[in-house]
Amino acid sequence: MPKENIRPVEILNFLKRHDCFPNASIAYKVPLTIPVPVASAERIFSKTKLLKSYMRIL
């Protein structure tokens, strides 16, 4: 187990540099190109808006 955390991009770069496991480098590319969803942050703003509306009614 490495002492420091290794980012997925570093693993992909290692595989490219050493030209080993071509299928593994392709497999690493797929999740690295998928955008991170921001739905949780949007839900927080939505809940805040609902709370503000509720507080105005009171």
C-alpha atoms as a PDB file:
ATOM      1  CA  MET A   1       0.000   0.000   0.000  1.00  0.00           C
ATOM      2  CA  PRO A   2       1.550   3.353  -0.971  1.00  0.00           C
ATOM      3  CA  LYS A   3       2.089   5.891   1.771  1.00  0.00           C
ATOM      4  CA  GLU A   4       0.686   8.753  -0.303  1.00  0.00           C
ATOM      5  CA  ASN A   5      -2.468   8.872  -2.388  1.00  0.00           C
ATOM      6  CA  ILE A   6      -2.028   8.366  -6.100  1.00  0.00           C
ATOM      7  CA  ARG A   7      -4.420  10.219  -8.369  1.00  0.00           C
ATOM      8  CA  PRO A   8      -6.020   8.334 -11.279  1.00  0.00           C
ATOM      9  CA  VAL A   9      -4.413  10.747 -13.751  1.00  0.00           C
ATOM     10  CA  GLU A  10      -0.978   9.775 -12.445  1.00  0.00           C
ATOM     11  CA  ILE A  11      -1.769   6.099 -12.988  1.00  0.00           C
ATOM     12  CA  LEU A  12      -2.917   6.847 -16.531  1.00  0.00           C
ATOM     13  CA  ASN A  13       0.274   8.805 -17.242  1.00  0.00           C
ATOM     14  CA  PHE A  14       2.385   5.946 -15.848  1.00  0.00           C
ATOM     15  CA  LEU A  15       0.641   3.436 -18.098  1.00  0.00           C
ATOM     16  CA  LYS A  16       1.128   5.692 -21.141  1.00  0.00           C
ATOM     17  CA  ARG A  17       4.825   6.326 -20.397  1.00  0.00           C
ATOM     18  CA  HIS A  18       5.674   2.662 -19.963  1.00  0.00           C
ATOM     19  CA  ASP A  19       3.440   1.527 -22.836  1.00  0.00           C
ATOM     20  CA  CYS A  20       2.136  -1.381 -20.811  1.00  0.00           C
ATOM     21  CA  PHE A  21      -1.402  -2.669 -20.388  1.00  0.00           C
ATOM     22  CA  PRO A  22      -3.013  -0.735 -23.260  1.00  0.00           C
ATOM     23  CA  ASN A  23      -6.482  -1.950 -22.279  1.00  0.00           C
ATOM     24  CA  ALA A  24      -5.986  -0.669 -18.734  1.00  0.00           C
ATOM     25  CA  SER A  25      -5.056   2.784 -20.006  1.00  0.00           C
ATOM     26  CA  ILE A  26      -8.240   2.838 -22.097  1.00  0.00           C
ATOM     27  CA  ALA A  27     -10.242   1.721 -19.065  1.00  0.00           C
ATOM     28  CA  TYR A  28      -8.774   4.584 -17.009  1.00  0.00           C
ATOM     29  CA  LYS A  29      -9.600   7.145 -19.719  1.00  0.00           C
ATOM     30  CA  VAL A  30     -13.335   6.447 -19.591  1.00  0.00           C
ATOM     31  CA  PRO A  31     -14.057   7.520 -15.982  1.00  0.00           C
ATOM     32  CA  LEU A  32     -11.606  10.415 -16.244  1.00  0.00           C
ATOM     33  CA  THR A  33     -13.622  11.958 -19.078  1.00  0.00           C
ATOM     34  CA  ILE A  34     -17.009  11.721 -17.349  1.00  0.00           C
ATOM     35  CA  PRO A  35     -17.945  15.062 -15.755  1.00  0.00           C
ATOM     36  CA  VAL A  36     -18.536  15.121 -12.034  1.00  0.00           C
ATOM     37  CA  PRO A  37     -22.206  15.717 -11.258  1.00  0.00           C
ATOM     38  CA  VAL A  38     -23.088  18.858  -9.365  1.00  0.00           C
ATOM     39  CA  ALA A  39     -26.585  17.733  -8.440  1.00  0.00           C
ATOM     40  CA  SER A  40     -25.823  17.673  -4.716  1.00  0.00           C
ATOM     41  CA  ALA A  41     -24.762  21.323  -4.781  1.00  0.00           C
ATOM     42  CA  GLU A  42     -27.847  22.236  -6.796  1.00  0.00           C
ATOM     43  CA  ARG A  43     -30.048  20.425  -4.274  1.00  0.00           C
ATOM     44  CA  ILE A  44     -28.557  22.470  -1.446  1.00  0.00           C
ATOM     45  CA  PHE A  45     -29.457  25.712  -3.226  1.00  0.00           C
ATOM     46  CA  SER A  46     -32.926  24.377  -3.979  1.00  0.00           C
ATOM     47  CA  LYS A  47     -33.505  23.461  -0.319  1.00  0.00           C
ATOM     48  CA  THR A  48     -32.257  26.889   0.759  1.00  0.00           C
ATOM     49  CA  LYS A  49     -34.707  28.533  -1.624  1.00  0.00           C
ATOM     50  CA  LEU A  50     -37.572  26.423  -0.238  1.00  0.00           C
ATOM     51  CA  LEU A  51     -36.579  27.303   3.316  1.00  0.00           C
ATOM     52  CA  LYS A  52     -36.500  31.024   2.506  1.00  0.00           C
ATOM     53  CA  SER A  53     -39.949  30.789   0.933  1.00  0.00           C
ATOM     54  CA  TYR A  54     -41.269  28.965   3.976  1.00  0.00           C
ATOM     55  CA  MET A  55     -39.785  31.542   6.353  1.00  0.00           C
ATOM     56  CA  ARG A  56     -41.474  34.378   4.411  1.00  0.00           C
ATOM     57  CA  ILE A  57     -44.857  32.739   4.923  1.00  0.00           C
ATOM     58  CA  LEU A  58     -44.404  32.652   8.688  1.00  0.00           C
END
